[in-house]
Amino acid sequence: MNSMLMPAIIVTVGLLLLLDNVRAMRFNHSWPIILIVIGSIKVLQSSASTDGHRDPSLAAAAAITATQDPNASASSTSSSEGR
């Protein structure tokens, strides 16, 4: 749901500019519709269910832990001690 805000704004601005171009509605009178769209998306985001979703902070921490090799740090310290 977080990725819906920018596409919704782009589509709304495009439609408002199209309506301005065909002289159906002037853009300077219709720009508050953009604020209504932003507010609507934010309300939908806050009320959306998160069941079945992973916590992004936990997923990032797991990815960092998985990429680190604990044996690599131990071998580098032992080689530096031998010098």
PDB file of N, CA and C in Angstrom:
ATOM      1  N   MET A   1       0.816  -1.188   0.000  1.00  0.00           N
ATOM      2  CA  MET A   1       0.000   0.000   0.000  1.00  0.00           C
ATOM      3  C   MET A   1       0.862   1.256   0.000  1.00  0.00           C
ATOM      4  N   ASN A   2       2.109   1.175   0.507  1.00  0.00           N
ATOM      5  CA  ASN A   2       2.963   2.350   0.541  1.00  0.00           C
ATOM      6  C   ASN A   2       3.354   2.822  -0.841  1.00  0.00           C
ATOM      7  N   SER A   3       3.383   1.932  -1.784  1.00  0.00           N
ATOM      8  CA  SER A   3       3.811   2.305  -3.126  1.00  0.00           C
ATOM      9  C   SER A   3       2.677   2.876  -3.971  1.00  0.00           C
ATOM     10  N   MET A   4       1.519   3.104  -3.387  1.00  0.00           N
ATOM     11  CA  MET A   4       0.388   3.617  -4.157  1.00  0.00           C
ATOM     12  C   MET A   4       0.314   5.134  -4.196  1.00  0.00           C
ATOM     13  N   LEU A   5       1.018   5.831  -3.323  1.00  0.00           N
ATOM     14  CA  LEU A   5       0.866   7.277  -3.219  1.00  0.00           C
ATOM     15  C   LEU A   5       1.363   8.003  -4.467  1.00  0.00           C
ATOM     16  N   MET A   6       2.582   7.749  -4.884  1.00  0.00           N
ATOM     17  CA  MET A   6       3.128   8.482  -6.041  1.00  0.00           C
ATOM     18  C   MET A   6       2.369   8.179  -7.339  1.00  0.00           C
ATOM     19  N   PRO A   7       2.050   6.918  -7.646  1.00  0.00           N
ATOM     20  CA  PRO A   7       1.256   6.691  -8.863  1.00  0.00           C
ATOM     21  C   PRO A   7      -0.106   7.367  -8.814  1.00  0.00           C
ATOM     22  N   ALA A   8      -0.736   7.403  -7.647  1.00  0.00           N
ATOM     23  CA  ALA A   8      -2.040   8.066  -7.528  1.00  0.00           C
ATOM     24  C   ALA A   8      -1.915   9.561  -7.763  1.00  0.00           C
ATOM     25  N   ILE A   9      -0.856  10.164  -7.266  1.00  0.00           N
ATOM     26  CA  ILE A   9      -0.643  11.601  -7.480  1.00  0.00           C
ATOM     27  C   ILE A   9      -0.372  11.879  -8.954  1.00  0.00           C
ATOM     28  N   ILE A  10       0.459  11.047  -9.573  1.00  0.00           N
ATOM     29  CA  ILE A  10       0.787  11.253 -10.988  1.00  0.00           C
ATOM     30  C   ILE A  10      -0.454  11.121 -11.863  1.00  0.00           C
ATOM     31  N   VAL A  11      -1.273  10.111 -11.592  1.00  0.00           N
ATOM     32  CA  VAL A  11      -2.498   9.921 -12.377  1.00  0.00           C
ATOM     33  C   VAL A  11      -3.455  11.090 -12.150  1.00  0.00           C
ATOM     34  N   THR A  12      -3.580  11.536 -10.912  1.00  0.00           N
ATOM     35  CA  THR A  12      -4.482  12.653 -10.610  1.00  0.00           C
ATOM     36  C   THR A  12      -4.029  13.932 -11.301  1.00  0.00           C
ATOM     37  N   VAL A  13      -2.750  14.230 -11.232  1.00  0.00           N
ATOM     38  CA  VAL A  13      -2.234  15.433 -11.898  1.00  0.00           C
ATOM     39  C   VAL A  13      -2.432  15.316 -13.400  1.00  0.00           C
ATOM     40  N   GLY A  14      -2.190  14.136 -13.946  1.00  0.00           N
ATOM     41  CA  GLY A  14      -2.395  13.939 -15.382  1.00  0.00           C
ATOM     42  C   GLY A  14      -3.840  14.166 -15.792  1.00  0.00           C
ATOM     43  N   LEU A  15      -4.766  13.631 -15.000  1.00  0.00           N
ATOM     44  CA  LEU A  15      -6.185  13.839 -15.317  1.00  0.00           C
ATOM     45  C   LEU A  15      -6.590  15.299 -15.183  1.00  0.00           C
ATOM     46  N   LEU A  16      -6.093  15.969 -14.161  1.00  0.00           N
ATOM     47  CA  LEU A  16      -6.421  17.383 -13.989  1.00  0.00           C
ATOM     48  C   LEU A  16      -5.850  18.227 -15.122  1.00  0.00           C
ATOM     49  N   LEU A  17      -4.642  17.911 -15.567  1.00  0.00           N
ATOM     50  CA  LEU A  17      -4.065  18.651 -16.695  1.00  0.00           C
ATOM     51  C   LEU A  17      -4.811  18.349 -17.991  1.00  0.00           C
ATOM     52  N   LEU A  18      -5.277  17.105 -18.152  1.00  0.00           N
ATOM     53  CA  LEU A  18      -6.081  16.766 -19.327  1.00  0.00           C
ATOM     54  C   LEU A  18      -7.396  17.551 -19.324  1.00  0.00           C
ATOM     55  N   LEU A  19      -8.043  17.599 -18.167  1.00  0.00           N
ATOM     56  CA  LEU A  19      -9.284  18.372 -18.075  1.00  0.00           C
ATOM     57  C   LEU A  19      -9.040  19.853 -18.321  1.00  0.00           C
ATOM     58  N   ASP A  20      -7.897  20.353 -17.883  1.00  0.00           N
ATOM     59  CA  ASP A  20      -7.550  21.747 -18.152  1.00  0.00           C
ATOM     60  C   ASP A  20      -7.291  21.962 -19.640  1.00  0.00           C
ATOM     61  N   ASN A  21      -6.677  20.983 -20.281  1.00  0.00           N
ATOM     62  CA  ASN A  21      -6.347  21.105 -21.700  1.00  0.00           C
ATOM     63  C   ASN A  21      -7.597  21.104 -22.577  1.00  0.00           C
ATOM     64  N   VAL A  22      -8.599  20.314 -22.207  1.00  0.00           N
ATOM     65  CA  VAL A  22      -9.835  20.285 -23.003  1.00  0.00           C
ATOM     66  C   VAL A  22     -10.841  21.323 -22.505  1.00  0.00           C
ATOM     67  N   ARG A  23     -10.393  22.157 -21.586  1.00  0.00           N
ATOM     68  CA  ARG A  23     -11.173  23.263 -21.036  1.00  0.00           C
ATOM     69  C   ARG A  23     -12.447  22.814 -20.318  1.00  0.00           C
ATOM     70  N   ALA A  24     -12.424  21.615 -19.756  1.00  0.00           N
ATOM     71  CA  ALA A  24     -13.563  21.134 -18.987  1.00  0.00           C
ATOM     72  C   ALA A  24     -13.507  21.666 -17.555  1.00  0.00           C
ATOM     73  N   MET A  25     -12.268  21.784 -17.013  1.00  0.00           N
ATOM     74  CA  MET A  25     -12.099  22.287 -15.651  1.00  0.00           C
ATOM     75  C   MET A  25     -10.731  22.953 -15.577  1.00  0.00           C
ATOM     76  N   ARG A  26     -10.670  24.128 -15.040  1.00  0.00           N
ATOM     77  CA  ARG A  26      -9.404  24.860 -14.940  1.00  0.00           C
ATOM     78  C   ARG A  26      -8.548  24.269 -13.821  1.00  0.00           C
ATOM     79  N   PHE A  27      -7.249  24.117 -14.061  1.00  0.00           N
ATOM     80  CA  PHE A  27      -6.347  23.508 -13.088  1.00  0.00           C
ATOM     81  C   PHE A  27      -6.248  24.348 -11.820  1.00  0.00           C
ATOM     82  N   ASN A  28      -6.280  25.680 -11.970  1.00  0.00           N
ATOM     83  CA  ASN A  28      -6.134  26.525 -10.787  1.00  0.00           C
ATOM     84  C   ASN A  28      -7.341  26.424  -9.845  1.00  0.00           C
ATOM     85  N   HIS A  29      -8.458  25.861 -10.307  1.00  0.00           N
ATOM     86  CA  HIS A  29      -9.615  25.641  -9.444  1.00  0.00           C
ATOM     87  C   HIS A  29      -9.711  24.189  -8.974  1.00  0.00           C
ATOM     88  N   SER A  30      -8.987  23.300  -9.600  1.00  0.00           N
ATOM     89  CA  SER A  30      -9.138  21.871  -9.283  1.00  0.00           C
ATOM     90  C   SER A  30      -7.957  21.276  -8.521  1.00  0.00           C
ATOM     91  N   TRP A  31      -6.913  22.054  -8.233  1.00  0.00           N
ATOM     92  CA  TRP A  31      -5.739  21.498  -7.558  1.00  0.00           C
ATOM     93  C   TRP A  31      -6.043  20.927  -6.176  1.00  0.00           C
ATOM     94  N   PRO A  32      -7.073  21.385  -5.430  1.00  0.00           N
ATOM     95  CA  PRO A  32      -7.338  20.742  -4.126  1.00  0.00           C
ATOM     96  C   PRO A  32      -7.690  19.256  -4.237  1.00  0.00           C
ATOM     97  N   ILE A  33      -8.053  18.798  -5.414  1.00  0.00           N
ATOM     98  CA  ILE A  33      -8.331  17.374  -5.604  1.00  0.00           C
ATOM     99  C   ILE A  33      -7.079  16.550  -5.310  1.00  0.00           C
ATOM    100  N   ILE A  34      -5.899  17.106  -5.576  1.00  0.00           N
ATOM    101  CA  ILE A  34      -4.644  16.413  -5.280  1.00  0.00           C
ATOM    102  C   ILE A  34      -4.527  16.171  -3.776  1.00  0.00           C
ATOM    103  N   LEU A  35      -4.887  17.173  -2.974  1.00  0.00           N
ATOM    104  CA  LEU A  35      -4.848  17.006  -1.520  1.00  0.00           C
ATOM    105  C   LEU A  35      -5.850  15.961  -1.054  1.00  0.00           C
ATOM    106  N   ILE A  36      -7.006  15.902  -1.682  1.00  0.00           N
ATOM    107  CA  ILE A  36      -8.017  14.906  -1.336  1.00  0.00           C
ATOM    108  C   ILE A  36      -7.501  13.508  -1.651  1.00  0.00           C
ATOM    109  N   VAL A  37      -6.830  13.345  -2.783  1.00  0.00           N
ATOM    110  CA  VAL A  37      -6.275  12.044  -3.161  1.00  0.00           C
ATOM    111  C   VAL A  37      -5.185  11.623  -2.178  1.00  0.00           C
ATOM    112  N   ILE A  38      -4.308  12.549  -1.805  1.00  0.00           N
ATOM    113  CA  ILE A  38      -3.246  12.229  -0.846  1.00  0.00           C
ATOM    114  C   ILE A  38      -3.855  11.800   0.491  1.00  0.00           C
ATOM    115  N   GLY A  39      -4.845  12.543   0.964  1.00  0.00           N
ATOM    116  CA  GLY A  39      -5.496  12.189   2.217  1.00  0.00           C
ATOM    117  C   GLY A  39      -6.190  10.846   2.146  1.00  0.00           C
ATOM    118  N   SER A  40      -6.841  10.567   1.028  1.00  0.00           N
ATOM    119  CA  SER A  40      -7.531   9.285   0.869  1.00  0.00           C
ATOM    120  C   SER A  40      -6.553   8.119   0.899  1.00  0.00           C
ATOM    121  N   ILE A  41      -5.431   8.257   0.215  1.00  0.00           N
ATOM    122  CA  ILE A  41      -4.423   7.197   0.205  1.00  0.00           C
ATOM    123  C   ILE A  41      -3.853   7.002   1.604  1.00  0.00           C
ATOM    124  N   LYS A  42      -3.608   8.087   2.326  1.00  0.00           N
ATOM    125  CA  LYS A  42      -3.077   7.975   3.687  1.00  0.00           C
ATOM    126  C   LYS A  42      -4.067   7.275   4.617  1.00  0.00           C
ATOM    127  N   VAL A  43      -5.360   7.574   4.476  1.00  0.00           N
ATOM    128  CA  VAL A  43      -6.368   6.890   5.298  1.00  0.00           C
ATOM    129  C   VAL A  43      -6.398   5.411   4.957  1.00  0.00           C
ATOM    130  N   LEU A  44      -6.329   5.077   3.675  1.00  0.00           N
ATOM    131  CA  LEU A  44      -6.315   3.671   3.271  1.00  0.00           C
ATOM    132  C   LEU A  44      -5.074   2.959   3.788  1.00  0.00           C
ATOM    133  N   GLN A  45      -3.931   3.642   3.785  1.00  0.00           N
ATOM    134  CA  GLN A  45      -2.700   3.043   4.283  1.00  0.00           C
ATOM    135  C   GLN A  45      -2.782   2.765   5.775  1.00  0.00           C
ATOM    136  N   SER A  46      -3.372   3.683   6.517  1.00  0.00           N
ATOM    137  CA  SER A  46      -3.425   3.503   7.970  1.00  0.00           C
ATOM    138  C   SER A  46      -4.434   2.436   8.382  1.00  0.00           C
ATOM    139  N   SER A  47      -5.445   2.208   7.550  1.00  0.00           N
ATOM    140  CA  SER A  47      -6.457   1.226   7.910  1.00  0.00           C
ATOM    141  C   SER A  47      -6.244  -0.128   7.228  1.00  0.00           C
ATOM    142  N   ALA A  48      -5.191  -0.259   6.444  1.00  0.00           N
ATOM    143  CA  ALA A  48      -4.933  -1.514   5.736  1.00  0.00           C
ATOM    144  C   ALA A  48      -4.441  -2.582   6.703  1.00  0.00           C
ATOM    145  N   SER A  49      -4.821  -3.806   6.431  1.00  0.00           N
ATOM    146  CA  SER A  49      -4.403  -4.929   7.257  1.00  0.00           C
ATOM    147  C   SER A  49      -2.939  -5.260   6.996  1.00  0.00           C
ATOM    148  N   THR A  50      -2.235  -5.621   8.051  1.00  0.00           N
ATOM    149  CA  THR A  50      -0.836  -6.026   7.910  1.00  0.00           C
ATOM    150  C   THR A  50      -0.663  -7.518   8.189  1.00  0.00           C
ATOM    151  N   ASP A  51      -1.753  -8.254   8.222  1.00  0.00           N
ATOM    152  CA  ASP A  51      -1.670  -9.696   8.450  1.00  0.00           C
ATOM    153  C   ASP A  51      -0.932 -10.352   7.294  1.00  0.00           C
ATOM    154  N   GLY A  52       0.017 -11.186   7.622  1.00  0.00           N
ATOM    155  CA  GLY A  52       0.773 -11.896   6.606  1.00  0.00           C
ATOM    156  C   GLY A  52       1.950 -11.117   6.058  1.00  0.00           C
ATOM    157  N   HIS A  53       2.178  -9.907   6.560  1.00  0.00           N
ATOM    158  CA  HIS A  53       3.299  -9.092   6.091  1.00  0.00           C
ATOM    159  C   HIS A  53       4.454  -9.218   7.071  1.00  0.00           C
ATOM    160  N   ARG A  54       5.650  -9.142   6.546  1.00  0.00           N
ATOM    161  CA  ARG A  54       6.836  -9.158   7.390  1.00  0.00           C
ATOM    162  C   ARG A  54       7.177  -7.736   7.799  1.00  0.00           C
ATOM    163  N   ASP A  55       7.762  -7.592   8.982  1.00  0.00           N
ATOM    164  CA  ASP A  55       8.227  -6.293   9.434  1.00  0.00           C
ATOM    165  C   ASP A  55       9.480  -5.945   8.629  1.00  0.00           C
ATOM    166  N   PRO A  56       9.487  -4.812   7.902  1.00  0.00           N
ATOM    167  CA  PRO A  56      10.640  -4.498   7.046  1.00  0.00           C
ATOM    168  C   PRO A  56      11.940  -4.339   7.827  1.00  0.00           C
ATOM    169  N   SER A  57      11.883  -3.840   9.045  1.00  0.00           N
ATOM    170  CA  SER A  57      13.116  -3.679   9.817  1.00  0.00           C
ATOM    171  C   SER A  57      13.707  -5.033  10.198  1.00  0.00           C
ATOM    172  N   LEU A  58      12.849  -6.002  10.502  1.00  0.00           N
ATOM    173  CA  LEU A  58      13.342  -7.342  10.825  1.00  0.00           C
ATOM    174  C   LEU A  58      13.898  -8.041   9.593  1.00  0.00           C
ATOM    175  N   ALA A  59      13.276  -7.823   8.445  1.00  0.00           N
ATOM    176  CA  ALA A  59      13.759  -8.439   7.215  1.00  0.00           C
ATOM    177  C   ALA A  59      15.123  -7.874   6.830  1.00  0.00           C
ATOM    178  N   ALA A  60      15.321  -6.574   7.023  1.00  0.00           N
ATOM    179  CA  ALA A  60      16.609  -5.959   6.700  1.00  0.00           C
ATOM    180  C   ALA A  60      17.696  -6.466   7.644  1.00  0.00           C
ATOM    181  N   ALA A  61      17.370  -6.605   8.920  1.00  0.00           N
ATOM    182  CA  ALA A  61      18.343  -7.101   9.884  1.00  0.00           C
ATOM    183  C   ALA A  61      18.718  -8.551   9.581  1.00  0.00           C
ATOM    184  N   ALA A  62      17.753  -9.356   9.168  1.00  0.00           N
ATOM    185  CA  ALA A  62      18.030 -10.749   8.830  1.00  0.00           C
ATOM    186  C   ALA A  62      18.904 -10.840   7.584  1.00  0.00           C
ATOM    187  N   ALA A  63      18.680  -9.949   6.613  1.00  0.00           N
ATOM    188  CA  ALA A  63      19.488  -9.963   5.397  1.00  0.00           C
ATOM    189  C   ALA A  63      20.932  -9.571   5.694  1.00  0.00           C
ATOM    190  N   ILE A  64      21.130  -8.617   6.577  1.00  0.00           N
ATOM    191  CA  ILE A  64      22.487  -8.195   6.938  1.00  0.00           C
ATOM    192  C   ILE A  64      23.194  -9.312   7.687  1.00  0.00           C
ATOM    193  N   THR A  65      22.489  -9.956   8.602  1.00  0.00           N
ATOM    194  CA  THR A  65      23.076 -11.056   9.370  1.00  0.00           C
ATOM    195  C   THR A  65      23.425 -12.229   8.464  1.00  0.00           C
ATOM    196  N   ALA A  66      22.583 -12.508   7.479  1.00  0.00           N
ATOM    197  CA  ALA A  66      22.817 -13.635   6.585  1.00  0.00           C
ATOM    198  C   ALA A  66      24.021 -13.394   5.682  1.00  0.00           C
ATOM    199  N   THR A  67      24.304 -12.145   5.323  1.00  0.00           N
ATOM    200  CA  THR A  67      25.415 -11.863   4.419  1.00  0.00           C
ATOM    201  C   THR A  67      26.754 -11.828   5.137  1.00  0.00           C
ATOM    202  N   GLN A  68      26.743 -11.657   6.453  1.00  0.00           N
ATOM    203  CA  GLN A  68      27.989 -11.623   7.206  1.00  0.00           C
ATOM    204  C   GLN A  68      28.412 -13.045   7.549  1.00  0.00           C
ATOM    205  N   ASP A  69      29.671 -13.338   7.307  1.00  0.00           N
ATOM    206  CA  ASP A  69      30.217 -14.660   7.617  1.00  0.00           C
ATOM    207  C   ASP A  69      30.987 -14.554   8.934  1.00  0.00           C
ATOM    208  N   PRO A  70      30.512 -15.215   9.992  1.00  0.00           N
ATOM    209  CA  PRO A  70      31.209 -15.105  11.280  1.00  0.00           C
ATOM    210  C   PRO A  70      32.608 -15.704  11.237  1.00  0.00           C
ATOM    211  N   ASN A  71      32.884 -16.669  10.370  1.00  0.00           N
ATOM    212  CA  ASN A  71      34.213 -17.274  10.282  1.00  0.00           C
ATOM    213  C   ASN A  71      35.219 -16.335   9.636  1.00  0.00           C
ATOM    214  N   ALA A  72      34.751 -15.439   8.777  1.00  0.00           N
ATOM    215  CA  ALA A  72      35.665 -14.528   8.092  1.00  0.00           C
ATOM    216  C   ALA A  72      36.288 -13.549   9.080  1.00  0.00           C
ATOM    217  N   SER A  73      35.539 -13.066  10.038  1.00  0.00           N
ATOM    218  CA  SER A  73      36.094 -12.121  11.007  1.00  0.00           C
ATOM    219  C   SER A  73      37.072 -12.818  11.948  1.00  0.00           C
ATOM    220  N   ALA A  74      36.821 -14.056  12.287  1.00  0.00           N
ATOM    221  CA  ALA A  74      37.716 -14.800  13.175  1.00  0.00           C
ATOM    222  C   ALA A  74      39.040 -15.085  12.478  1.00  0.00           C
ATOM    223  N   SER A  75      39.029 -15.426  11.194  1.00  0.00           N
ATOM    224  CA  SER A  75      40.273 -15.720  10.488  1.00  0.00           C
ATOM    225  C   SER A  75      41.084 -14.468  10.253  1.00  0.00           C
ATOM    226  N   SER A  76      40.436 -13.313  10.058  1.00  0.00           N
ATOM    227  CA  SER A  76      41.189 -12.076   9.832  1.00  0.00           C
ATOM    228  C   SER A  76      41.866 -11.616  11.119  1.00  0.00           C
ATOM    229  N   THR A  77      41.239 -11.848  12.284  1.00  0.00           N
ATOM    230  CA  THR A  77      41.886 -11.457  13.540  1.00  0.00           C
ATOM    231  C   THR A  77      43.045 -12.368  13.864  1.00  0.00           C
ATOM    232  N   SER A  78      42.944 -13.654  13.541  1.00  0.00           N
ATOM    233  CA  SER A  78      44.034 -14.563  13.848  1.00  0.00           C
ATOM    234  C   SER A  78      45.223 -14.306  12.927  1.00  0.00           C
ATOM    235  N   SER A  79      45.009 -13.886  11.689  1.00  0.00           N
ATOM    236  CA  SER A  79      46.110 -13.612  10.788  1.00  0.00           C
ATOM    237  C   SER A  79      46.806 -12.313  11.169  1.00  0.00           C
ATOM    238  N   SER A  80      46.058 -11.350  11.720  1.00  0.00           N
ATOM    239  CA  SER A  80      46.694 -10.099  12.124  1.00  0.00           C
ATOM    240  C   SER A  80      47.478 -10.264  13.420  1.00  0.00           C
ATOM    241  N   GLU A  81      47.100 -11.251  14.258  1.00  0.00           N
ATOM    242  CA  GLU A  81      47.818 -11.495  15.506  1.00  0.00           C
ATOM    243  C   GLU A  81      49.165 -12.171  15.240  1.00  0.00           C
ATOM    244  N   GLY A  82      49.275 -12.881  14.139  1.00  0.00           N
ATOM    245  CA  GLY A  82      50.497 -13.600  13.834  1.00  0.00           C
ATOM    246  C   GLY A  82      51.596 -12.696  13.330  1.00  0.00           C
ATOM    247  N   ARG A  83      51.290 -11.496  12.961  1.00  0.00           N
ATOM    248  CA  ARG A  83      52.310 -10.582  12.409  1.00  0.00           C
ATOM    249  C   ARG A  83      53.122  -9.976  13.461  1.00  0.00           C
TER     250      ARG A  83
END
